[in-house]
Amino acid sequence: MSALKITQIGNSVGVILPKEILARLKVGRGDVVFATETPDGGVTLTPYDPQLEEQLKLGREFMHEFRDTFRQLAK
């Protein structure tokens, strides 16, 4: 766990992430990260869009369900 200090950045406030956290998230300057609320009231920071992940999961389930149809269409 790292303690991060809230800092004034222009007209906004933010936190500066240490290099170790950026490396672990595999992100850098200009990348987008997503903050999602956890059931215990905390926050998780991730480089992956949770809504996109859910859409991909649903798409994979759909393709799996209709895989025979897709194979026939691909012929």
C-alpha atoms as a PDB file:
ATOM      1  CA  MET A   1       0.000   0.000   0.000  1.00  0.00           C
ATOM      2  CA  SER A   2       1.215   3.484  -0.819  1.00  0.00           C
ATOM      3  CA  ALA A   3       0.143   6.710   0.847  1.00  0.00           C
ATOM      4  CA  LEU A   4      -0.600   9.326  -1.806  1.00  0.00           C
ATOM      5  CA  LYS A   5      -0.907  13.019  -1.062  1.00  0.00           C
ATOM      6  CA  ILE A   6      -3.634  15.110  -2.717  1.00  0.00           C
ATOM      7  CA  THR A   7      -1.921  17.940  -4.595  1.00  0.00           C
ATOM      8  CA  GLN A   8      -3.036  21.109  -6.375  1.00  0.00           C
ATOM      9  CA  ILE A   9      -2.623  20.626 -10.131  1.00  0.00           C
ATOM     10  CA  GLY A  10      -3.608  23.789 -11.980  1.00  0.00           C
ATOM     11  CA  ASN A  11      -7.233  24.552 -11.086  1.00  0.00           C
ATOM     12  CA  SER A  12      -7.848  20.955 -10.006  1.00  0.00           C
ATOM     13  CA  VAL A  13      -6.572  18.576  -7.376  1.00  0.00           C
ATOM     14  CA  GLY A  14      -5.116  15.152  -7.945  1.00  0.00           C
ATOM     15  CA  VAL A  15      -2.597  12.585  -6.865  1.00  0.00           C
ATOM     16  CA  ILE A  16       0.756  11.806  -8.412  1.00  0.00           C
ATOM     17  CA  LEU A  17       1.281   8.089  -8.874  1.00  0.00           C
ATOM     18  CA  PRO A  18       4.761   6.716  -8.152  1.00  0.00           C
ATOM     19  CA  LYS A  19       6.669   4.959 -10.945  1.00  0.00           C
ATOM     20  CA  GLU A  20       6.120   1.587  -9.271  1.00  0.00           C
ATOM     21  CA  ILE A  21       2.331   1.934  -9.434  1.00  0.00           C
ATOM     22  CA  LEU A  22       2.437   3.160 -13.042  1.00  0.00           C
ATOM     23  CA  ALA A  23       4.601   0.165 -13.968  1.00  0.00           C
ATOM     24  CA  ARG A  24       2.260  -2.235 -12.194  1.00  0.00           C
ATOM     25  CA  LEU A  25      -0.766  -0.759 -14.004  1.00  0.00           C
ATOM     26  CA  LYS A  26       1.243  -0.665 -17.257  1.00  0.00           C
ATOM     27  CA  VAL A  27       0.176   2.935 -17.923  1.00  0.00           C
ATOM     28  CA  GLY A  28       1.985   6.185 -18.581  1.00  0.00           C
ATOM     29  CA  ARG A  29       1.398   9.837 -19.296  1.00  0.00           C
ATOM     30  CA  GLY A  30      -1.748  10.383 -21.374  1.00  0.00           C
ATOM     31  CA  ASP A  31      -3.268   6.957 -20.660  1.00  0.00           C
ATOM     32  CA  VAL A  32      -6.727   6.655 -19.137  1.00  0.00           C
ATOM     33  CA  VAL A  33      -7.412   4.786 -15.899  1.00  0.00           C
ATOM     34  CA  PHE A  34     -10.768   3.929 -14.373  1.00  0.00           C
ATOM     35  CA  ALA A  35     -11.714   4.256 -10.715  1.00  0.00           C
ATOM     36  CA  THR A  36     -14.406   1.807  -9.627  1.00  0.00           C
ATOM     37  CA  GLU A  37     -16.040   1.648  -6.238  1.00  0.00           C
ATOM     38  CA  THR A  38     -15.630  -1.616  -4.340  1.00  0.00           C
ATOM     39  CA  PRO A  39     -18.377  -3.191  -2.206  1.00  0.00           C
ATOM     40  CA  ASP A  40     -16.512  -2.273   0.992  1.00  0.00           C
ATOM     41  CA  GLY A  41     -16.511   1.444   0.093  1.00  0.00           C
ATOM     42  CA  GLY A  42     -12.971   1.526  -1.304  1.00  0.00           C
ATOM     43  CA  VAL A  43     -11.821   2.409  -4.784  1.00  0.00           C
ATOM     44  CA  THR A  44      -9.948   0.284  -7.322  1.00  0.00           C
ATOM     45  CA  LEU A  45      -7.811   1.911 -10.004  1.00  0.00           C
ATOM     46  CA  THR A  46      -7.519  -0.047 -13.254  1.00  0.00           C
ATOM     47  CA  PRO A  47      -6.472   0.654 -16.842  1.00  0.00           C
ATOM     48  CA  TYR A  48      -9.396  -1.447 -18.100  1.00  0.00           C
ATOM     49  CA  ASP A  49     -12.908  -0.106 -18.608  1.00  0.00           C
ATOM     50  CA  PRO A  50     -15.190  -2.342 -16.500  1.00  0.00           C
ATOM     51  CA  GLN A  51     -18.179  -1.587 -18.764  1.00  0.00           C
ATOM     52  CA  LEU A  52     -16.201  -2.637 -21.833  1.00  0.00           C
ATOM     53  CA  GLU A  53     -15.144  -5.832 -20.045  1.00  0.00           C
ATOM     54  CA  GLU A  54     -18.812  -6.652 -19.368  1.00  0.00           C
ATOM     55  CA  GLN A  55     -19.734  -5.970 -23.002  1.00  0.00           C
ATOM     56  CA  LEU A  56     -16.918  -8.232 -24.202  1.00  0.00           C
ATOM     57  CA  LYS A  57     -18.041 -10.967 -21.826  1.00  0.00           C
ATOM     58  CA  LEU A  58     -21.608 -10.767 -23.148  1.00  0.00           C
ATOM     59  CA  GLY A  59     -20.332 -10.800 -26.738  1.00  0.00           C
ATOM     60  CA  ARG A  60     -18.208 -13.882 -26.086  1.00  0.00           C
ATOM     61  CA  GLU A  61     -21.180 -15.665 -24.507  1.00  0.00           C
ATOM     62  CA  PHE A  62     -23.328 -14.779 -27.535  1.00  0.00           C
ATOM     63  CA  MET A  63     -20.689 -16.014 -29.988  1.00  0.00           C
ATOM     64  CA  HIS A  64     -20.247 -19.226 -28.007  1.00  0.00           C
ATOM     65  CA  GLU A  65     -24.001 -19.856 -27.968  1.00  0.00           C
ATOM     66  CA  PHE A  66     -24.307 -19.354 -31.722  1.00  0.00           C
ATOM     67  CA  ARG A  67     -20.903 -20.727 -32.779  1.00  0.00           C
ATOM     68  CA  ASP A  68     -22.448 -23.287 -35.148  1.00  0.00           C
ATOM     69  CA  THR A  69     -24.425 -20.565 -36.891  1.00  0.00           C
ATOM     70  CA  PHE A  70     -21.308 -18.428 -37.259  1.00  0.00           C
ATOM     71  CA  ARG A  71     -19.386 -21.372 -38.720  1.00  0.00           C
ATOM     72  CA  GLN A  72     -22.114 -21.923 -41.307  1.00  0.00           C
ATOM     73  CA  LEU A  73     -22.157 -18.227 -42.198  1.00  0.00           C
ATOM     74  CA  ALA A  74     -18.377 -18.208 -42.609  1.00  0.00           C
ATOM     75  CA  LYS A  75     -18.487 -20.856 -45.365  1.00  0.00           C
END
